[in-house]
């Protein structure tokens, strides 16, 4: 074996070997988390005792994406709740019941909805990724809940009051038209928030670590390898040695 094909016991995290000719290469004992071996020629390659899966950088990027999407989901859920509560109160009880106290209690409800929605989506995405992720997500969710309650109450009251005024004007103009507008907007808000929730969960669920798509792994060895979150879809795996390999959440 040539010296250039020896990667034994090296830290190779997040490196790309896409389309490379690595026939007979020695990766034994290497850390190949986050590596890209798509369409590589890996016949008789030695991956014994390697550590494959998500790299810390991949995990961090997925976490940031989940955080942003969870905020978007929580915000959409909050707006949907504001529209639902304000329209229901104004339509059923009339605008005579609307005062500062009504605005206050609706604002409290939607802040709680925001905090719970964020916690469920963000913590849920980490729960799929693993226990360590969950332990990190819980305090972040608690901080978001505190910040949204402490600093967001005034902003939320303004949103609620504005929603009451807009709905009141619409009801005064034409009750039937206002009802149709609400029935058109509210489902879009709800389905939009559910779609964002699905994206948050799938971000953690579908994040791939080490990639072997379309690679030729004929007679390669993964003896005692630790394989987690790897993608072997459409790879050639004839006569591959999987003996004592630890395989979890991989696409084969």
C-alpha atoms as a PDB file:
ATOM      1  CA  UNK A   1       0.000   0.000   0.000  1.00  0.00           C
ATOM      2  CA  UNK A   2       1.370   3.410  -0.888  1.00  0.00           C
ATOM      3  CA  UNK A   3       2.037   5.937   1.824  1.00  0.00           C
ATOM      4  CA  UNK A   4      -0.441   8.404   0.264  1.00  0.00           C
ATOM      5  CA  UNK A   5      -3.307   5.960   0.908  1.00  0.00           C
ATOM      6  CA  UNK A   6      -2.596   5.576   4.597  1.00  0.00           C
ATOM      7  CA  UNK A   7      -4.916   7.612   6.831  1.00  0.00           C
ATOM      8  CA  UNK A   8      -4.711   5.306   9.842  1.00  0.00           C
ATOM      9  CA  UNK A   9      -5.492   6.839  13.255  1.00  0.00           C
ATOM     10  CA  UNK A  10      -5.858  10.353  11.835  1.00  0.00           C
ATOM     11  CA  UNK A  11      -8.409  13.052  12.652  1.00  0.00           C
ATOM     12  CA  UNK A  12     -10.187  13.441   9.308  1.00  0.00           C
ATOM     13  CA  UNK A  13     -13.386  15.129  10.497  1.00  0.00           C
ATOM     14  CA  UNK A  14     -15.369  17.041   7.840  1.00  0.00           C
ATOM     15  CA  UNK A  15     -12.909  16.284   5.050  1.00  0.00           C
ATOM     16  CA  UNK A  16     -14.186  15.588   1.546  1.00  0.00           C
ATOM     17  CA  UNK A  17     -13.044  12.511  -0.399  1.00  0.00           C
ATOM     18  CA  UNK A  18     -15.848  12.836  -2.925  1.00  0.00           C
ATOM     19  CA  UNK A  19     -15.121  10.940  -6.131  1.00  0.00           C
ATOM     20  CA  UNK A  20     -11.541  10.090  -5.050  1.00  0.00           C
ATOM     21  CA  UNK A  21      -9.718   6.900  -6.022  1.00  0.00           C
ATOM     22  CA  UNK A  22      -9.028   5.333  -2.629  1.00  0.00           C
ATOM     23  CA  UNK A  23      -8.754   1.679  -3.589  1.00  0.00           C
ATOM     24  CA  UNK A  24      -7.087  -0.206  -0.744  1.00  0.00           C
ATOM     25  CA  UNK A  25      -6.760   2.897   1.438  1.00  0.00           C
ATOM     26  CA  UNK A  26      -6.179   2.398   5.153  1.00  0.00           C
ATOM     27  CA  UNK A  27      -8.508   4.443   7.395  1.00  0.00           C
ATOM     28  CA  UNK A  28      -8.229   2.098  10.375  1.00  0.00           C
ATOM     29  CA  UNK A  29      -8.744   3.834  13.730  1.00  0.00           C
ATOM     30  CA  UNK A  30      -9.410   7.194  12.067  1.00  0.00           C
ATOM     31  CA  UNK A  31     -12.084   9.710  13.051  1.00  0.00           C
ATOM     32  CA  UNK A  32     -14.113  10.118   9.844  1.00  0.00           C
ATOM     33  CA  UNK A  33     -17.118  11.911  11.330  1.00  0.00           C
ATOM     34  CA  UNK A  34     -18.612  14.345   8.841  1.00  0.00           C
ATOM     35  CA  UNK A  35     -16.512  13.022   5.933  1.00  0.00           C
ATOM     36  CA  UNK A  36     -17.892  12.864   2.404  1.00  0.00           C
ATOM     37  CA  UNK A  37     -17.030   9.663   0.502  1.00  0.00           C
ATOM     38  CA  UNK A  38     -19.771  10.037  -2.132  1.00  0.00           C
ATOM     39  CA  UNK A  39     -18.911   8.226  -5.392  1.00  0.00           C
ATOM     40  CA  UNK A  40     -15.424   7.378  -4.097  1.00  0.00           C
ATOM     41  CA  UNK A  41     -13.617   4.209  -5.169  1.00  0.00           C
ATOM     42  CA  UNK A  42     -13.107   2.354  -1.895  1.00  0.00           C
ATOM     43  CA  UNK A  43     -12.558  -1.252  -2.972  1.00  0.00           C
ATOM     44  CA  UNK A  44     -10.763  -3.239  -0.244  1.00  0.00           C
ATOM     45  CA  UNK A  45     -10.451  -0.101   1.890  1.00  0.00           C
ATOM     46  CA  UNK A  46      -9.823  -0.659   5.591  1.00  0.00           C
ATOM     47  CA  UNK A  47     -12.264   1.167   7.892  1.00  0.00           C
ATOM     48  CA  UNK A  48     -11.623  -1.065  10.911  1.00  0.00           C
ATOM     49  CA  UNK A  49     -12.197   0.670  14.272  1.00  0.00           C
ATOM     50  CA  UNK A  50     -13.144   3.976  12.620  1.00  0.00           C
ATOM     51  CA  UNK A  51     -15.486   6.463  14.281  1.00  0.00           C
ATOM     52  CA  UNK A  52     -18.100   7.629  11.778  1.00  0.00           C
ATOM     53  CA  UNK A  53     -21.181   9.836  12.140  1.00  0.00           C
ATOM     54  CA  UNK A  54     -21.999  13.476  12.839  1.00  0.00           C
ATOM     55  CA  UNK A  55     -19.065  15.766  13.484  1.00  0.00           C
ATOM     56  CA  UNK A  56     -19.247  18.526  16.118  1.00  0.00           C
ATOM     57  CA  UNK A  57     -19.491  21.099  13.311  1.00  0.00           C
ATOM     58  CA  UNK A  58     -22.414  19.282  11.705  1.00  0.00           C
ATOM     59  CA  UNK A  59     -24.141  19.017  15.075  1.00  0.00           C
ATOM     60  CA  UNK A  60     -23.629  22.741  15.757  1.00  0.00           C
ATOM     61  CA  UNK A  61     -25.008  23.748  12.339  1.00  0.00           C
ATOM     62  CA  UNK A  62     -28.030  21.457  12.750  1.00  0.00           C
ATOM     63  CA  UNK A  63     -28.621  22.913  16.234  1.00  0.00           C
ATOM     64  CA  UNK A  64     -28.567  26.502  14.948  1.00  0.00           C
ATOM     65  CA  UNK A  65     -30.967  25.631  12.132  1.00  0.00           C
ATOM     66  CA  UNK A  66     -33.271  23.901  14.624  1.00  0.00           C
ATOM     67  CA  UNK A  67     -33.111  26.961  16.901  1.00  0.00           C
ATOM     68  CA  UNK A  68     -34.101  29.383  14.127  1.00  0.00           C
ATOM     69  CA  UNK A  69     -36.872  27.111  12.861  1.00  0.00           C
ATOM     70  CA  UNK A  70     -38.165  26.567  16.395  1.00  0.00           C
ATOM     71  CA  UNK A  71     -38.388  30.342  16.879  1.00  0.00           C
ATOM     72  CA  UNK A  72     -40.240  30.670  13.578  1.00  0.00           C
ATOM     73  CA  UNK A  73     -42.619  27.871  14.554  1.00  0.00           C
ATOM     74  CA  UNK A  74     -43.268  29.431  17.976  1.00  0.00           C
ATOM     75  CA  UNK A  75     -43.854  32.856  16.417  1.00  0.00           C
ATOM     76  CA  UNK A  76     -46.272  31.455  13.851  1.00  0.00           C
ATOM     77  CA  UNK A  77     -48.127  29.524  16.550  1.00  0.00           C
ATOM     78  CA  UNK A  78     -48.315  32.701  18.651  1.00  0.00           C
ATOM     79  CA  UNK A  79     -49.772  34.765  15.794  1.00  0.00           C
ATOM     80  CA  UNK A  80     -52.294  32.021  15.019  1.00  0.00           C
ATOM     81  CA  UNK A  81     -53.345  32.025  18.677  1.00  0.00           C
ATOM     82  CA  UNK A  82     -53.714  35.818  18.725  1.00  0.00           C
ATOM     83  CA  UNK A  83     -55.947  35.722  15.648  1.00  0.00           C
ATOM     84  CA  UNK A  84     -58.048  32.857  17.008  1.00  0.00           C
ATOM     85  CA  UNK A  85     -58.593  34.321  20.489  1.00  0.00           C
ATOM     86  CA  UNK A  86     -59.170  37.914  19.416  1.00  0.00           C
ATOM     87  CA  UNK A  87     -61.599  36.984  16.665  1.00  0.00           C
ATOM     88  CA  UNK A  88     -63.487  34.547  18.893  1.00  0.00           C
ATOM     89  CA  UNK A  89     -63.828  37.112  21.699  1.00  0.00           C
ATOM     90  CA  UNK A  90     -64.811  39.946  19.356  1.00  0.00           C
ATOM     91  CA  UNK A  91     -67.197  37.826  17.275  1.00  0.00           C
ATOM     92  CA  UNK A  92     -68.926  35.974  20.141  1.00  0.00           C
ATOM     93  CA  UNK A  93     -68.951  38.542  22.948  1.00  0.00           C
ATOM     94  CA  UNK A  94     -68.674  41.785  21.003  1.00  0.00           C
ATOM     95  CA  UNK A  95     -66.115  44.569  21.307  1.00  0.00           C
ATOM     96  CA  UNK A  96     -67.794  45.853  24.461  1.00  0.00           C
ATOM     97  CA  UNK A  97     -65.973  43.196  26.513  1.00  0.00           C
ATOM     98  CA  UNK A  98     -62.575  44.233  25.181  1.00  0.00           C
ATOM     99  CA  UNK A  99     -60.551  46.327  27.623  1.00  0.00           C
ATOM    100  CA  UNK A 100     -57.019  46.492  28.988  1.00  0.00           C
ATOM    101  CA  UNK A 101     -57.618  43.464  31.196  1.00  0.00           C
ATOM    102  CA  UNK A 102     -58.830  41.399  28.222  1.00  0.00           C
ATOM    103  CA  UNK A 103     -55.760  42.403  26.204  1.00  0.00           C
ATOM    104  CA  UNK A 104     -53.562  41.516  29.187  1.00  0.00           C
ATOM    105  CA  UNK A 105     -54.944  37.995  29.598  1.00  0.00           C
ATOM    106  CA  UNK A 106     -54.863  37.233  25.885  1.00  0.00           C
ATOM    107  CA  UNK A 107     -51.243  38.430  25.828  1.00  0.00           C
ATOM    108  CA  UNK A 108     -50.382  36.113  28.734  1.00  0.00           C
ATOM    109  CA  UNK A 109     -51.940  33.147  26.936  1.00  0.00           C
ATOM    110  CA  UNK A 110     -50.067  33.773  23.680  1.00  0.00           C
ATOM    111  CA  UNK A 111     -46.736  34.258  25.502  1.00  0.00           C
ATOM    112  CA  UNK A 112     -47.255  30.863  27.154  1.00  0.00           C
ATOM    113  CA  UNK A 113     -48.126  29.368  23.752  1.00  0.00           C
ATOM    114  CA  UNK A 114     -44.922  30.856  22.299  1.00  0.00           C
ATOM    115  CA  UNK A 115     -42.741  29.486  25.111  1.00  0.00           C
ATOM    116  CA  UNK A 116     -44.303  26.009  25.078  1.00  0.00           C
ATOM    117  CA  UNK A 117     -44.217  25.779  21.271  1.00  0.00           C
ATOM    118  CA  UNK A 118     -40.537  26.659  21.192  1.00  0.00           C
ATOM    119  CA  UNK A 119     -39.702  24.238  24.016  1.00  0.00           C
ATOM    120  CA  UNK A 120     -41.554  21.327  22.418  1.00  0.00           C
ATOM    121  CA  UNK A 121     -40.086  21.814  18.948  1.00  0.00           C
ATOM    122  CA  UNK A 122     -36.508  22.658  19.969  1.00  0.00           C
ATOM    123  CA  UNK A 123     -36.212  20.079  22.758  1.00  0.00           C
ATOM    124  CA  UNK A 124     -37.959  17.513  20.574  1.00  0.00           C
ATOM    125  CA  UNK A 125     -35.397  17.964  17.796  1.00  0.00           C
ATOM    126  CA  UNK A 126     -32.571  17.409  20.285  1.00  0.00           C
ATOM    127  CA  UNK A 127     -34.314  14.418  21.842  1.00  0.00           C
ATOM    128  CA  UNK A 128     -34.162  12.725  18.447  1.00  0.00           C
ATOM    129  CA  UNK A 129     -30.453  13.543  18.155  1.00  0.00           C
ATOM    130  CA  UNK A 130     -29.586  12.116  21.576  1.00  0.00           C
ATOM    131  CA  UNK A 131     -29.613  12.560  25.367  1.00  0.00           C
ATOM    132  CA  UNK A 132     -26.738  15.075  25.434  1.00  0.00           C
ATOM    133  CA  UNK A 133     -28.604  17.283  23.006  1.00  0.00           C
ATOM    134  CA  UNK A 134     -31.725  17.169  25.166  1.00  0.00           C
ATOM    135  CA  UNK A 135     -29.825  18.213  28.276  1.00  0.00           C
ATOM    136  CA  UNK A 136     -28.522  21.226  26.343  1.00  0.00           C
ATOM    137  CA  UNK A 137     -31.885  22.136  24.807  1.00  0.00           C
ATOM    138  CA  UNK A 138     -33.828  22.168  28.089  1.00  0.00           C
ATOM    139  CA  UNK A 139     -31.974  25.133  29.704  1.00  0.00           C
ATOM    140  CA  UNK A 140     -32.048  27.009  26.371  1.00  0.00           C
ATOM    141  CA  UNK A 141     -35.820  26.505  26.218  1.00  0.00           C
ATOM    142  CA  UNK A 142     -36.182  27.740  29.804  1.00  0.00           C
ATOM    143  CA  UNK A 143     -34.138  30.856  28.980  1.00  0.00           C
ATOM    144  CA  UNK A 144     -36.296  31.576  25.923  1.00  0.00           C
ATOM    145  CA  UNK A 145     -39.424  31.150  28.042  1.00  0.00           C
ATOM    146  CA  UNK A 146     -38.096  33.612  30.645  1.00  0.00           C
ATOM    147  CA  UNK A 147     -36.954  36.169  28.060  1.00  0.00           C
ATOM    148  CA  UNK A 148     -40.234  35.992  26.120  1.00  0.00           C
ATOM    149  CA  UNK A 149     -42.241  36.447  29.302  1.00  0.00           C
ATOM    150  CA  UNK A 150     -40.091  39.182  30.805  1.00  0.00           C
ATOM    151  CA  UNK A 151     -39.276  41.260  27.730  1.00  0.00           C
ATOM    152  CA  UNK A 152     -41.992  40.209  25.303  1.00  0.00           C
ATOM    153  CA  UNK A 153     -45.070  41.083  27.327  1.00  0.00           C
ATOM    154  CA  UNK A 154     -45.259  44.715  26.138  1.00  0.00           C
ATOM    155  CA  UNK A 155     -44.688  43.756  22.495  1.00  0.00           C
ATOM    156  CA  UNK A 156     -47.308  41.013  22.721  1.00  0.00           C
ATOM    157  CA  UNK A 157     -49.858  43.380  24.257  1.00  0.00           C
ATOM    158  CA  UNK A 158     -49.327  45.741  21.311  1.00  0.00           C
ATOM    159  CA  UNK A 159     -49.880  42.845  18.883  1.00  0.00           C
ATOM    160  CA  UNK A 160     -53.030  41.743  20.701  1.00  0.00           C
ATOM    161  CA  UNK A 161     -54.419  45.273  20.895  1.00  0.00           C
ATOM    162  CA  UNK A 162     -53.676  45.807  17.205  1.00  0.00           C
ATOM    163  CA  UNK A 163     -55.409  42.532  16.330  1.00  0.00           C
ATOM    164  CA  UNK A 164     -58.500  43.565  18.321  1.00  0.00           C
ATOM    165  CA  UNK A 165     -58.633  46.925  16.516  1.00  0.00           C
ATOM    166  CA  UNK A 166     -58.192  45.341  13.073  1.00  0.00           C
ATOM    167  CA  UNK A 167     -60.842  42.692  13.723  1.00  0.00           C
ATOM    168  CA  UNK A 168     -63.218  45.266  15.204  1.00  0.00           C
ATOM    169  CA  UNK A 169     -62.916  47.431  12.088  1.00  0.00           C
ATOM    170  CA  UNK A 170     -63.505  44.394   9.874  1.00  0.00           C
ATOM    171  CA  UNK A 171     -66.590  43.371  11.860  1.00  0.00           C
ATOM    172  CA  UNK A 172     -68.016  46.867  11.702  1.00  0.00           C
ATOM    173  CA  UNK A 173     -67.503  46.928   7.934  1.00  0.00           C
ATOM    174  CA  UNK A 174     -69.052  43.534   7.183  1.00  0.00           C
ATOM    175  CA  UNK A 175     -69.425  40.582   9.554  1.00  0.00           C
ATOM    176  CA  UNK A 176     -69.670  38.017   6.755  1.00  0.00           C
ATOM    177  CA  UNK A 177     -66.561  39.347   4.989  1.00  0.00           C
ATOM    178  CA  UNK A 178     -64.624  39.400   8.274  1.00  0.00           C
ATOM    179  CA  UNK A 179     -65.599  35.782   8.937  1.00  0.00           C
ATOM    180  CA  UNK A 180     -64.473  34.699   5.467  1.00  0.00           C
ATOM    181  CA  UNK A 181     -61.138  36.509   5.837  1.00  0.00           C
ATOM    182  CA  UNK A 182     -60.567  34.831   9.218  1.00  0.00           C
ATOM    183  CA  UNK A 183     -61.443  31.380   7.829  1.00  0.00           C
ATOM    184  CA  UNK A 184     -58.977  31.968   5.009  1.00  0.00           C
ATOM    185  CA  UNK A 185     -56.075  33.239   7.124  1.00  0.00           C
ATOM    186  CA  UNK A 186     -56.303  31.075  10.248  1.00  0.00           C
ATOM    187  CA  UNK A 187     -55.890  27.659   8.531  1.00  0.00           C
ATOM    188  CA  UNK A 188     -52.844  29.007   6.665  1.00  0.00           C
ATOM    189  CA  UNK A 189     -51.309  30.076   9.973  1.00  0.00           C
ATOM    190  CA  UNK A 190     -52.021  26.713  11.588  1.00  0.00           C
ATOM    191  CA  UNK A 191     -50.788  24.606   8.675  1.00  0.00           C
ATOM    192  CA  UNK A 192     -47.759  26.853   8.294  1.00  0.00           C
ATOM    193  CA  UNK A 193     -46.800  26.394  11.935  1.00  0.00           C
ATOM    194  CA  UNK A 194     -47.281  22.615  11.681  1.00  0.00           C
ATOM    195  CA  UNK A 195     -45.061  22.545   8.588  1.00  0.00           C
ATOM    196  CA  UNK A 196     -42.347  24.469  10.438  1.00  0.00           C
ATOM    197  CA  UNK A 197     -42.658  22.051  13.366  1.00  0.00           C
ATOM    198  CA  UNK A 198     -42.096  19.159  10.978  1.00  0.00           C
ATOM    199  CA  UNK A 199     -39.016  20.887   9.533  1.00  0.00           C
ATOM    200  CA  UNK A 200     -37.570  21.396  13.023  1.00  0.00           C
ATOM    201  CA  UNK A 201     -37.921  17.704  13.891  1.00  0.00           C
ATOM    202  CA  UNK A 202     -36.631  16.507  10.509  1.00  0.00           C
ATOM    203  CA  UNK A 203     -33.554  18.752  10.738  1.00  0.00           C
ATOM    204  CA  UNK A 204     -32.183  16.649  13.584  1.00  0.00           C
ATOM    205  CA  UNK A 205     -33.624  13.390  12.305  1.00  0.00           C
ATOM    206  CA  UNK A 206     -32.240  13.598   8.775  1.00  0.00           C
ATOM    207  CA  UNK A 207     -28.871  15.214   9.383  1.00  0.00           C
ATOM    208  CA  UNK A 208     -26.330  12.821   7.926  1.00  0.00           C
ATOM    209  CA  UNK A 209     -22.865  12.392   9.376  1.00  0.00           C
ATOM    210  CA  UNK A 210     -20.462  10.382   7.232  1.00  0.00           C
ATOM    211  CA  UNK A 211     -21.659   9.950   3.649  1.00  0.00           C
ATOM    212  CA  UNK A 212     -20.950   6.938   1.406  1.00  0.00           C
ATOM    213  CA  UNK A 213     -23.655   7.432  -1.243  1.00  0.00           C
ATOM    214  CA  UNK A 214     -22.803   5.710  -4.554  1.00  0.00           C
ATOM    215  CA  UNK A 215     -19.357   4.725  -3.250  1.00  0.00           C
ATOM    216  CA  UNK A 216     -17.822   1.405  -4.317  1.00  0.00           C
ATOM    217  CA  UNK A 217     -17.124  -0.431  -1.037  1.00  0.00           C
ATOM    218  CA  UNK A 218     -16.544  -3.867  -2.528  1.00  0.00           C
ATOM    219  CA  UNK A 219     -14.588  -6.020  -0.023  1.00  0.00           C
ATOM    220  CA  UNK A 220     -14.089  -3.044   2.299  1.00  0.00           C
ATOM    221  CA  UNK A 221     -13.735  -3.757   6.010  1.00  0.00           C
ATOM    222  CA  UNK A 222     -15.706  -2.065   8.794  1.00  0.00           C
ATOM    223  CA  UNK A 223     -14.523  -4.502  11.441  1.00  0.00           C
ATOM    224  CA  UNK A 224     -15.347  -3.137  14.934  1.00  0.00           C
ATOM    225  CA  UNK A 225     -16.248   0.244  13.388  1.00  0.00           C
ATOM    226  CA  UNK A 226     -18.541   2.671  15.206  1.00  0.00           C
ATOM    227  CA  UNK A 227     -21.066   3.758  12.573  1.00  0.00           C
ATOM    228  CA  UNK A 228     -23.803   6.237  13.526  1.00  0.00           C
ATOM    229  CA  UNK A 229     -25.865   8.495  11.233  1.00  0.00           C
ATOM    230  CA  UNK A 230     -24.035   7.257   8.123  1.00  0.00           C
ATOM    231  CA  UNK A 231     -25.566   7.154   4.655  1.00  0.00           C
ATOM    232  CA  UNK A 232     -24.726   4.088   2.527  1.00  0.00           C
ATOM    233  CA  UNK A 233     -27.641   4.559   0.123  1.00  0.00           C
ATOM    234  CA  UNK A 234     -26.885   3.314  -3.419  1.00  0.00           C
ATOM    235  CA  UNK A 235     -23.384   2.252  -2.367  1.00  0.00           C
ATOM    236  CA  UNK A 236     -21.883  -1.019  -3.624  1.00  0.00           C
ATOM    237  CA  UNK A 237     -21.412  -3.156  -0.510  1.00  0.00           C
ATOM    238  CA  UNK A 238     -20.544  -6.560  -1.985  1.00  0.00           C
ATOM    239  CA  UNK A 239     -18.518  -8.758   0.402  1.00  0.00           C
ATOM    240  CA  UNK A 240     -18.151  -5.932   2.949  1.00  0.00           C
ATOM    241  CA  UNK A 241     -16.894  -7.040   6.367  1.00  0.00           C
ATOM    242  CA  UNK A 242     -19.367  -5.735   8.995  1.00  0.00           C
ATOM    243  CA  UNK A 243     -18.117  -8.045  11.755  1.00  0.00           C
ATOM    244  CA  UNK A 244     -18.589  -6.554  15.244  1.00  0.00           C
ATOM    245  CA  UNK A 245     -19.418  -3.144  13.767  1.00  0.00           C
ATOM    246  CA  UNK A 246     -21.744  -0.970  15.858  1.00  0.00           C
ATOM    247  CA  UNK A 247     -24.358   0.378  13.446  1.00  0.00           C
ATOM    248  CA  UNK A 248     -27.068   2.860  14.497  1.00  0.00           C
ATOM    249  CA  UNK A 249     -29.376   5.237  12.586  1.00  0.00           C
ATOM    250  CA  UNK A 250     -27.639   4.456   9.271  1.00  0.00           C
ATOM    251  CA  UNK A 251     -29.132   4.294   5.794  1.00  0.00           C
ATOM    252  CA  UNK A 252     -28.104   1.014   4.208  1.00  0.00           C
END
